[in-house]
């Protein structure tokens, strides 16, 4: 049997670790500032205080799962107002479509959590082990005291960052100072420890070991973005007509024997994805701009024009090849596709703002008791029972006054309450059993169903709301 008959094709290639080289430039500086800003927001936000009175949490941003509410500074979202959260999620999705259609994978390159934490982990790795060449040598050398010491230090720092990441996340779901004290004294709920452990492990693995594999194999967005982009989308490209044929100028060669690219591999060595942008557009490219910084530095040193690699659109490539200037950036950004996305995004945002400012701080919902649908009393009257959910979205306790509208033949009584006033505590909801009774011989008692409107007002205030239901009669006219 020949050796070719024994050959088994390898479907999977072993991953070659990527060790990006340090680079300086405008895009690298922008990424540092954005990383510091986003990490600062993430870690600091749970500790910001916001006074809401004595009966509510003073944490500015809080997802209160126990009481099913969401606090964001002066805004409080109740479960029945989840449309605000849904609207924000829709805006986030449309915003992602907008930025991708205008600037390609700018989210992936600058703001994605995977990118931000990977950048932070690479920074720690560089502090401990050195720049690209030193890290490569350390990776290839056998295990020894130096490798154990440096890898151990790096992994410990990674774990601490992962621990801070998981710890910051759980602080968003309960009072941060109280939870921190409980965590340190081992009095916190096991769910908190489990969540921190899980997020610590995932941050450690994704940012430290998986890195570009998460973007290439785990994230669906690279495969979806093609539908958001067209020939006018600005993304990173290599100006092949300027750079080719690549190579260094040698003595005796004509000045035009080579293009501007000297094949120094600087753009490849700084790429956190380990790709060569000169091979054209690729699924793995996150358009972070580091290859632009590296190439511009080389062009400056050899006296060539900058932007051999740069942000550009496919239409600009065609124009530049023909010797024409590229389009204005505003013509790329403002075009029918992006205008539609912007209009949708702004419309939803405006609608949410209007709904936020028009909402009242009282709310109600009515649930008829169906078993039985009505009860015939000894005097022939028909009685229906309802559960009314009253919500007091105010920091003070208030009295709610419940009445029936425009139907004098139906009277209202409340279980356990004298009269029609019921007190609801600050920022609380109350389920109150209510009875509607129609006297014998009245149209409401004889009809099968009668529309009914219940009004709820706050004692001493002008705000009031209503809810509609039906009154079930005997149906015997």
Protein backbone atom coordinates (compact mmCIF):
# COMPACT_ATOMS: atom_id res chain seq x y z
CA UNK A 1 0.00 0.00 0.00
CA UNK A 2 1.46 3.35 -1.00
CA UNK A 3 2.00 6.17 1.46
CA UNK A 4 -0.56 8.29 -0.39
CA UNK A 5 -3.23 5.71 0.39
CA UNK A 6 -2.49 6.05 4.11
CA UNK A 7 -2.75 9.83 4.01
CA UNK A 8 -5.57 11.33 6.08
CA UNK A 9 -6.37 14.98 5.36
CA UNK A 10 -6.16 17.31 8.35
CA UNK A 11 -9.36 19.29 8.71
CA UNK A 12 -8.09 21.50 11.52
CA UNK A 13 -4.84 23.44 11.72
CA UNK A 14 -3.11 24.07 15.01
CA UNK A 15 -3.45 27.69 16.11
CA UNK A 16 -0.35 29.79 15.85
CA UNK A 17 -0.36 32.36 18.67
CA UNK A 18 -0.38 36.00 17.60
CA UNK A 19 2.12 38.33 19.30
CA UNK A 20 1.34 41.87 18.10
CA UNK A 21 4.24 44.31 18.11
CA UNK A 22 3.94 47.61 19.91
CA UNK A 23 3.03 50.51 17.64
CA UNK A 24 2.54 54.24 18.05
CA UNK A 25 0.22 56.45 16.06
CA UNK A 26 -3.10 58.25 15.98
CA UNK A 27 -5.24 55.11 15.81
CA UNK A 28 -3.32 53.41 18.62
CA UNK A 29 -3.73 56.54 20.74
CA UNK A 30 -7.46 56.62 19.98
CA UNK A 31 -7.75 52.98 21.03
CA UNK A 32 -5.94 53.70 24.32
CA UNK A 33 -8.31 56.57 25.14
CA UNK A 34 -11.41 54.58 24.24
CA UNK A 35 -10.19 51.58 26.23
CA UNK A 36 -9.58 53.75 29.31
CA UNK A 37 -12.97 55.44 28.90
CA UNK A 38 -14.98 52.24 28.47
CA UNK A 39 -13.20 50.32 31.22
CA UNK A 40 -13.59 53.32 33.51
CA UNK A 41 -17.33 53.47 32.83
CA UNK A 42 -17.69 49.73 33.38
CA UNK A 43 -15.78 49.57 36.66
CA UNK A 44 -16.85 52.89 38.20
CA UNK A 45 -20.56 53.12 37.30
CA UNK A 46 -21.87 50.79 40.08
CA UNK A 47 -20.29 53.07 42.69
CA UNK A 48 -21.99 56.27 41.54
CA UNK A 49 -24.71 57.36 43.98
CA UNK A 50 -28.03 59.04 43.19
CA UNK A 51 -30.38 60.26 45.94
CA UNK A 52 -33.89 58.84 45.51
CA UNK A 53 -35.17 59.36 49.03
CA UNK A 54 -35.11 57.15 52.14
CA UNK A 55 -37.08 54.21 50.73
CA UNK A 56 -35.20 53.58 47.47
CA UNK A 57 -31.70 52.52 46.53
CA UNK A 58 -29.22 55.34 46.02
CA UNK A 59 -27.24 53.44 43.37
CA UNK A 60 -27.32 55.45 40.14
CA UNK A 61 -27.44 52.42 37.80
CA UNK A 62 -29.10 49.33 39.22
CA UNK A 63 -30.82 46.31 37.70
CA UNK A 64 -33.03 45.35 40.66
CA UNK A 65 -34.10 41.82 39.72
CA UNK A 66 -35.60 41.12 43.14
CA UNK A 67 -38.13 43.95 42.72
CA UNK A 68 -38.16 43.73 38.91
CA UNK A 69 -37.06 47.29 38.27
CA UNK A 70 -34.26 49.11 36.49
CA UNK A 71 -32.80 52.38 37.79
CA UNK A 72 -30.74 54.71 35.60
CA UNK A 73 -30.01 57.94 37.43
CA UNK A 74 -33.33 59.85 37.48
CA UNK A 75 -35.19 57.22 35.41
CA UNK A 76 -36.92 54.18 36.92
CA UNK A 77 -38.24 51.47 34.60
CA UNK A 78 -40.94 49.11 35.89
CA UNK A 79 -41.77 45.68 34.41
CA UNK A 80 -44.79 47.02 32.51
CA UNK A 81 -42.50 49.62 30.93
CA UNK A 82 -40.12 47.10 29.41
CA UNK A 83 -40.77 48.68 26.04
CA UNK A 84 -38.18 51.30 27.04
CA UNK A 85 -35.53 48.58 27.34
CA UNK A 86 -36.73 46.94 24.13
CA UNK A 87 -36.53 50.31 22.38
CA UNK A 88 -32.96 50.87 23.58
CA UNK A 89 -31.95 47.41 22.34
CA UNK A 90 -33.50 48.14 18.95
CA UNK A 91 -31.64 51.46 18.85
CA UNK A 92 -28.39 49.65 19.67
CA UNK A 93 -28.97 47.20 16.81
CA UNK A 94 -29.83 49.93 14.29
CA UNK A 95 -26.84 51.95 15.53
CA UNK A 96 -24.59 48.99 14.84
CA UNK A 97 -26.05 48.71 11.34
CA UNK A 98 -25.50 52.45 10.82
CA UNK A 99 -21.85 52.46 11.90
CA UNK A 100 -21.09 49.30 9.94
CA UNK A 101 -22.65 50.62 6.74
CA UNK A 102 -20.69 53.87 7.09
CA UNK A 103 -17.36 52.78 8.60
CA UNK A 104 -17.21 49.00 8.40
CA UNK A 105 -16.34 47.03 11.54
CA UNK A 106 -15.51 50.12 13.56
CA UNK A 107 -17.39 48.62 16.55
CA UNK A 108 -15.21 45.50 16.43
CA UNK A 109 -11.98 47.46 16.19
CA UNK A 110 -12.59 50.00 18.94
CA UNK A 111 -15.52 49.24 21.25
CA UNK A 112 -16.27 45.50 21.33
CA UNK A 113 -15.65 44.07 24.85
CA UNK A 114 -13.59 41.26 23.32
CA UNK A 115 -11.33 43.82 21.66
CA UNK A 116 -11.08 46.03 24.75
CA UNK A 117 -10.17 43.26 27.17
CA UNK A 118 -7.82 41.58 24.67
CA UNK A 119 -6.02 44.92 24.28
CA UNK A 120 -5.70 45.13 28.05
CA UNK A 121 -4.38 41.58 28.30
CA UNK A 122 -1.84 42.19 25.52
CA UNK A 123 -0.70 45.32 27.37
CA UNK A 124 -0.09 43.25 30.53
CA UNK A 125 1.67 40.59 28.47
CA UNK A 126 3.97 43.22 26.98
CA UNK A 127 4.75 44.66 30.42
CA UNK A 128 5.75 41.27 31.78
CA UNK A 129 7.42 39.59 28.80
CA UNK A 130 8.54 42.42 26.52
CA UNK A 131 7.65 43.31 22.95
CA UNK A 132 6.91 40.93 20.08
CA UNK A 133 10.37 39.42 19.56
CA UNK A 134 10.90 38.82 23.30
CA UNK A 135 7.48 37.15 23.59
CA UNK A 136 8.20 34.95 20.58
CA UNK A 137 11.52 33.82 22.05
CA UNK A 138 9.90 33.09 25.40
CA UNK A 139 7.11 31.13 23.72
CA UNK A 140 9.57 28.96 21.76
CA UNK A 141 12.04 28.28 24.56
CA UNK A 142 11.58 25.19 26.79
CA UNK A 143 10.01 25.50 30.20
CA UNK A 144 12.41 26.83 32.80
CA UNK A 145 12.61 29.23 35.72
CA UNK A 146 12.32 32.36 33.55
CA UNK A 147 9.35 31.08 31.56
CA UNK A 148 7.52 29.85 34.67
CA UNK A 149 8.13 33.16 36.46
CA UNK A 150 6.97 35.37 33.59
CA UNK A 151 4.03 33.21 32.58
CA UNK A 152 2.95 32.85 36.20
CA UNK A 153 3.10 36.62 36.75
CA UNK A 154 1.18 37.27 33.56
CA UNK A 155 -1.52 34.72 34.34
CA UNK A 156 -1.90 36.07 37.88
CA UNK A 157 -2.45 39.60 36.55
CA UNK A 158 -4.91 38.25 33.98
CA UNK A 159 -6.84 36.48 36.73
CA UNK A 160 -6.98 39.66 38.80
CA UNK A 161 -8.36 41.58 35.81
CA UNK A 162 -10.89 38.80 35.22
CA UNK A 163 -11.86 38.89 38.90
CA UNK A 164 -12.38 42.65 38.75
CA UNK A 165 -14.46 42.18 35.59
CA UNK A 166 -16.74 39.57 37.14
CA UNK A 167 -16.96 41.51 40.39
CA UNK A 168 -17.94 44.73 38.63
CA UNK A 169 -20.71 42.91 36.74
CA UNK A 170 -22.51 41.60 39.84
CA UNK A 171 -22.39 45.07 41.42
CA UNK A 172 -24.89 46.23 38.80
CA UNK A 173 -27.56 43.92 40.26
CA UNK A 174 -27.53 44.90 43.92
CA UNK A 175 -26.20 47.63 46.19
CA UNK A 176 -22.47 47.66 45.40
CA UNK A 177 -21.01 48.61 48.85
CA UNK A 178 -23.25 46.10 50.64
CA UNK A 179 -22.39 43.31 48.20
CA UNK A 180 -18.67 44.06 48.43
CA UNK A 181 -18.83 43.75 52.22
CA UNK A 182 -20.76 40.49 51.93
CA UNK A 183 -18.31 39.12 49.38
CA UNK A 184 -15.29 39.90 51.55
CA UNK A 185 -16.93 38.42 54.66
CA UNK A 186 -18.19 35.38 52.69
CA UNK A 187 -21.83 36.22 53.43
CA UNK A 188 -22.90 36.84 49.84
CA UNK A 189 -25.32 34.58 48.00
CA UNK A 190 -23.68 31.62 46.19
CA UNK A 191 -25.07 32.95 42.90
CA UNK A 192 -22.83 36.02 43.28
CA UNK A 193 -19.72 33.88 43.79
CA UNK A 194 -20.70 31.61 40.92
CA UNK A 195 -21.28 34.54 38.55
CA UNK A 196 -17.94 36.11 39.47
CA UNK A 197 -16.14 32.79 38.99
CA UNK A 198 -17.77 32.23 35.59
CA UNK A 199 -17.00 35.74 34.29
CA UNK A 200 -13.46 35.58 35.68
CA UNK A 201 -12.85 32.33 33.80
CA UNK A 202 -14.36 33.55 30.53
CA UNK A 203 -12.47 36.85 30.65
CA UNK A 204 -9.23 35.00 31.42
CA UNK A 205 -9.72 32.53 28.56
CA UNK A 206 -11.22 34.84 25.93
CA UNK A 207 -8.82 37.74 26.50
CA UNK A 208 -5.72 35.69 27.27
CA UNK A 209 -5.85 32.57 25.13
CA UNK A 210 -8.66 32.58 22.56
CA UNK A 211 -8.33 36.21 21.47
CA UNK A 212 -8.71 36.42 17.68
CA UNK A 213 -10.39 32.99 17.58
CA UNK A 214 -13.44 34.45 19.33
CA UNK A 215 -13.76 37.05 16.56
CA UNK A 216 -13.14 34.62 13.69
CA UNK A 217 -14.98 31.50 14.85
CA UNK A 218 -17.24 32.49 17.74
CA UNK A 219 -18.74 35.83 16.72
CA UNK A 220 -21.52 35.88 14.09
CA UNK A 221 -21.09 39.56 13.24
CA UNK A 222 -18.28 39.14 10.64
CA UNK A 223 -20.65 36.97 8.63
CA UNK A 224 -23.56 39.40 8.95
CA UNK A 225 -21.66 42.61 8.26
CA UNK A 226 -21.48 41.94 4.51
CA UNK A 227 -25.19 42.69 4.27
CA UNK A 228 -24.60 46.07 5.92
CA UNK A 229 -21.69 47.14 3.69
CA UNK A 230 -21.47 48.27 0.08
CA UNK A 231 -18.91 49.81 -2.23
CA UNK A 232 -19.20 53.19 -0.46
CA UNK A 233 -18.48 51.80 3.01
CA UNK A 234 -15.23 53.15 4.41
CA UNK A 235 -12.93 50.37 5.59
CA UNK A 236 -9.20 49.60 5.73
CA UNK A 237 -7.54 48.82 2.40
CA UNK A 238 -4.06 48.45 0.95
CA UNK A 239 -3.36 50.69 -2.05
CA UNK A 240 -2.03 47.96 -4.26
CA UNK A 241 -1.44 50.24 -7.23
CA UNK A 242 0.98 52.23 -5.08
CA UNK A 243 2.64 49.39 -3.25
CA UNK A 244 3.22 46.77 -5.95
CA UNK A 245 5.51 45.27 -6.90
CA UNK A 246 6.67 45.25 -3.32
CA UNK A 247 10.29 45.00 -2.28
CA UNK A 248 13.29 47.06 -1.18
CA UNK A 249 15.12 49.26 -3.65
CA UNK A 250 18.46 47.71 -4.52
CA UNK A 251 21.55 49.37 -5.91
CA UNK A 252 21.49 49.60 -9.67
CA UNK A 253 17.72 49.08 -10.01
CA UNK A 254 15.49 51.62 -11.69
CA UNK A 255 13.59 53.91 -9.37
CA UNK A 256 10.27 52.57 -10.59
CA UNK A 257 11.29 48.90 -10.26
CA UNK A 258 9.32 48.61 -7.02
CA UNK A 259 6.25 50.19 -5.46
CA UNK A 260 6.14 52.01 -2.15
CA UNK A 261 5.75 48.80 -0.11
CA UNK A 262 9.18 47.54 1.00
CA UNK A 263 7.71 44.26 2.35
CA UNK A 264 8.88 45.05 5.89
CA UNK A 265 5.94 43.09 7.43
CA UNK A 266 5.29 45.91 9.92
CA UNK A 267 1.56 45.85 9.13
CA UNK A 268 1.42 42.10 9.78
CA UNK A 269 3.48 42.22 12.98
CA UNK A 270 1.20 44.77 14.68
CA UNK A 271 -2.10 43.12 13.65
CA UNK A 272 -3.93 41.61 16.65
CA UNK A 273 -5.69 39.22 14.26
CA UNK A 274 -2.45 38.02 12.65
CA UNK A 275 -3.55 38.77 9.07
CA UNK A 276 -1.87 40.50 6.13
CA UNK A 277 -4.06 43.38 4.98
CA UNK A 278 -2.17 43.39 1.67
CA UNK A 279 -4.02 40.20 0.76
CA UNK A 280 -7.24 42.20 0.46
CA UNK A 281 -10.44 42.38 2.50
CA UNK A 282 -10.74 39.50 4.95
CA UNK A 283 -13.34 38.23 7.39
CA UNK A 284 -10.81 38.41 10.24
CA UNK A 285 -10.01 42.12 9.81
CA UNK A 286 -11.57 44.20 12.60
CA UNK A 287 -10.48 47.54 11.06
CA UNK A 288 -8.64 48.66 14.20
CA UNK A 289 -6.23 50.87 12.23
CA UNK A 290 -3.00 49.61 13.82
CA UNK A 291 -1.64 48.52 10.43
CA UNK A 292 -2.17 52.11 9.24
CA UNK A 293 -0.06 53.45 12.12
CA UNK A 294 2.70 50.91 11.46
CA UNK A 295 2.78 51.57 7.70
CA UNK A 296 2.69 55.35 8.11
CA UNK A 297 5.70 55.14 10.44
CA UNK A 298 7.63 53.17 7.83
CA UNK A 299 6.62 55.55 5.03
CA UNK A 300 7.85 58.51 7.12
CA UNK A 301 11.22 56.84 7.64
CA UNK A 302 11.79 56.01 3.97
CA UNK A 303 10.45 59.33 2.68
CA UNK A 304 7.34 58.01 0.96
CA UNK A 305 3.79 59.43 1.14
CA UNK A 306 1.60 58.19 3.97
CA UNK A 307 -1.64 56.22 3.61
CA UNK A 308 -0.27 53.28 1.64
CA UNK A 309 -2.68 51.49 3.97
CA UNK A 310 -5.65 53.58 5.01
CA UNK A 311 -9.38 53.93 5.44
CA UNK A 312 -11.06 54.10 2.06
CA UNK A 313 -14.06 52.82 0.08
CA UNK A 314 -14.05 50.59 -2.99
CA UNK A 315 -15.29 53.50 -5.10
CA UNK A 316 -12.25 55.50 -3.97
CA UNK A 317 -9.96 52.66 -5.05
CA UNK A 318 -11.35 52.84 -8.58
CA UNK A 319 -11.05 56.61 -8.69
CA UNK A 320 -7.50 56.67 -7.33
CA UNK A 321 -6.36 54.01 -9.80
CA UNK A 322 -7.60 56.27 -12.57
CA UNK A 323 -5.74 59.24 -11.08
CA UNK A 324 -8.81 61.00 -9.73
CA UNK A 325 -9.22 62.32 -6.17
CA UNK A 326 -11.39 60.26 -3.77
CA UNK A 327 -14.89 61.29 -2.82
CA UNK A 328 -15.48 63.51 0.18
CA UNK A 329 -15.89 61.49 3.36
CA UNK A 330 -19.32 63.06 3.85
CA UNK A 331 -20.51 61.60 0.54
CA UNK A 332 -19.57 58.17 1.86
CA UNK A 333 -21.18 58.70 5.24
CA UNK A 334 -24.41 60.39 4.08
CA UNK A 335 -26.02 58.20 1.45
CA UNK A 336 -29.49 56.59 1.21
CA UNK A 337 -28.65 53.53 3.32
CA UNK A 338 -27.15 55.47 6.21
CA UNK A 339 -29.86 58.14 6.03
CA UNK A 340 -32.54 55.45 6.41
CA UNK A 341 -30.72 53.93 9.39
CA UNK A 342 -30.24 57.36 10.98
CA UNK A 343 -33.90 58.23 10.50
CA UNK A 344 -35.05 54.97 12.08
CA UNK A 345 -32.60 55.34 14.96
CA UNK A 346 -33.57 58.95 15.66
CA UNK A 347 -37.29 58.21 15.32
CA UNK A 348 -37.19 55.42 17.90
CA UNK A 349 -35.09 57.56 20.23
CA UNK A 350 -37.46 60.50 19.92
CA UNK A 351 -40.45 58.24 20.55
CA UNK A 352 -38.84 56.86 23.71
CA UNK A 353 -38.08 60.37 24.97
CA UNK A 354 -41.65 61.51 24.36
CA UNK A 355 -43.01 58.42 26.12
CA UNK A 356 -40.62 58.99 29.02
CA UNK A 357 -41.68 62.60 29.57
CA UNK A 358 -45.39 61.94 29.09
CA UNK A 359 -45.66 58.99 31.45
CA UNK A 360 -47.29 59.47 34.86
CA UNK A 361 -45.98 58.13 38.15
CA UNK A 362 -49.17 56.13 38.74
CA UNK A 363 -50.33 53.06 36.88
CA UNK A 364 -53.03 50.44 37.10
CA UNK A 365 -54.15 47.19 35.49
CA UNK A 366 -57.44 45.30 35.94
CA UNK A 367 -57.83 41.51 36.05
CA UNK A 368 -61.44 40.19 36.24
CA UNK A 369 -61.98 37.15 38.45
CA UNK A 370 -63.31 34.49 36.07
CA UNK A 371 -64.32 31.77 38.49
CA UNK A 372 -67.20 32.53 38.81
CA UNK A 373 -67.75 35.33 36.33
CA UNK A 374 -70.50 36.80 38.54
CA UNK A 375 -72.38 36.10 41.77
CA UNK A 376 -76.10 36.64 42.36
CA UNK A 377 -76.68 38.08 45.84
CA UNK A 378 -79.73 37.36 48.06
CA UNK A 379 -81.42 40.62 47.02
CA UNK A 380 -81.02 39.78 43.31
CA UNK A 381 -78.06 42.09 42.72
CA UNK A 382 -75.22 40.92 40.44
CA UNK A 383 -71.67 41.21 41.73
CA UNK A 384 -68.35 40.89 39.84
CA UNK A 385 -64.91 40.67 41.43
CA UNK A 386 -61.69 42.17 40.06
CA UNK A 387 -58.08 42.43 41.10
CA UNK A 388 -56.66 45.88 40.47
CA UNK A 389 -52.87 46.28 40.46
CA UNK A 390 -52.04 49.82 41.65
CA UNK A 391 -48.50 51.11 41.12
CA UNK A 392 -47.14 54.10 43.00
CA UNK A 393 -43.99 55.13 41.10
CA UNK A 394 -43.21 57.91 43.56
CA UNK A 395 -40.85 58.19 46.51
CA UNK A 396 -43.74 59.06 48.85
CA UNK A 397 -46.68 56.98 50.07
CA UNK A 398 -49.96 58.15 48.50
CA UNK A 399 -53.69 57.47 48.71
CA UNK A 400 -55.37 56.19 45.57
CA UNK A 401 -59.06 56.93 45.00
CA UNK A 402 -60.91 54.34 42.86
CA UNK A 403 -64.27 55.13 41.22
CA UNK A 404 -66.59 53.84 38.51
CA UNK A 405 -67.20 56.21 35.60
CA UNK A 406 -70.53 57.10 33.95
CA UNK A 407 -72.62 54.23 35.29
CA UNK A 408 -74.69 55.12 38.39
CA UNK A 409 -76.32 51.69 38.44
CA UNK A 410 -72.97 50.04 39.35
CA UNK A 411 -71.44 50.61 42.78
CA UNK A 412 -67.85 49.91 43.83
CA UNK A 413 -66.56 48.50 47.12
CA UNK A 414 -63.06 47.40 48.09
CA UNK A 415 -62.16 44.38 50.19
CA UNK A 416 -60.66 45.27 53.56
CA UNK A 417 -60.97 49.02 52.96
CA UNK A 418 -63.51 51.50 54.27
CA UNK A 419 -64.63 53.73 51.42
CA UNK A 420 -62.78 54.00 48.15
CA UNK A 421 -59.34 55.19 49.31
CA UNK A 422 -56.40 52.79 49.53
CA UNK A 423 -52.83 53.66 50.53
CA UNK A 424 -49.91 52.46 48.39
CA UNK A 425 -46.40 52.71 49.81
CA UNK A 426 -43.52 54.61 48.19
CA UNK A 427 -42.31 53.00 44.96
CA UNK A 428 -44.53 49.99 45.54
CA UNK A 429 -47.41 48.19 43.90
CA UNK A 430 -50.53 46.83 45.56
CA UNK A 431 -53.07 44.28 44.38
CA UNK A 432 -56.49 45.31 45.66
CA UNK A 433 -59.63 43.16 45.39
CA UNK A 434 -62.54 45.28 44.11
CA UNK A 435 -66.25 44.40 43.81
CA UNK A 436 -68.67 45.95 41.32
CA UNK A 437 -72.36 45.44 42.09
CA UNK A 438 -75.37 46.12 39.85
CA UNK A 439 -78.80 46.31 41.51
CA UNK A 440 -81.50 43.90 40.39
CA UNK A 441 -83.51 45.12 37.43
CA UNK A 442 -80.87 47.55 36.17
CA UNK A 443 -79.59 47.26 32.57
CA UNK A 444 -76.12 46.23 33.76
CA UNK A 445 -77.55 43.35 35.82
CA UNK A 446 -79.73 42.12 32.97
CA UNK A 447 -77.24 42.45 30.09
CA UNK A 448 -74.70 39.76 29.26
CA UNK A 449 -71.80 42.23 29.38
CA UNK A 450 -71.52 45.95 30.03
CA UNK A 451 -68.37 48.02 29.32
CA UNK A 452 -67.01 49.59 32.50
CA UNK A 453 -64.31 52.19 33.05
CA UNK A 454 -62.54 52.53 36.40
CA UNK A 455 -60.76 55.74 37.31
CA UNK A 456 -57.83 55.96 39.70
CA UNK A 457 -56.70 59.32 41.03
CA UNK A 458 -54.25 60.40 43.71
CA UNK A 459 -55.67 62.18 46.72
CA UNK A 460 -54.66 65.84 46.68
CA UNK A 461 -53.19 65.67 43.16
CA UNK A 462 -54.50 66.23 39.64
CA UNK A 463 -53.02 63.12 37.99
CA UNK A 464 -55.44 60.33 37.24
CA UNK A 465 -55.63 57.31 34.94
CA UNK A 466 -58.28 54.83 33.90
CA UNK A 467 -58.63 51.19 32.96
CA UNK A 468 -61.38 49.49 31.00
CA UNK A 469 -63.03 46.12 31.61
CA UNK A 470 -66.50 44.53 31.33
CA UNK A 471 -69.22 43.81 33.87
CA UNK A 472 -70.82 40.37 33.48
CA UNK A 473 -74.58 40.31 34.06
CA UNK A 474 -77.15 37.51 34.08
CA UNK A 475 -77.93 37.95 30.39
CA UNK A 476 -81.67 37.61 31.09
CA UNK A 477 -83.43 40.74 29.84
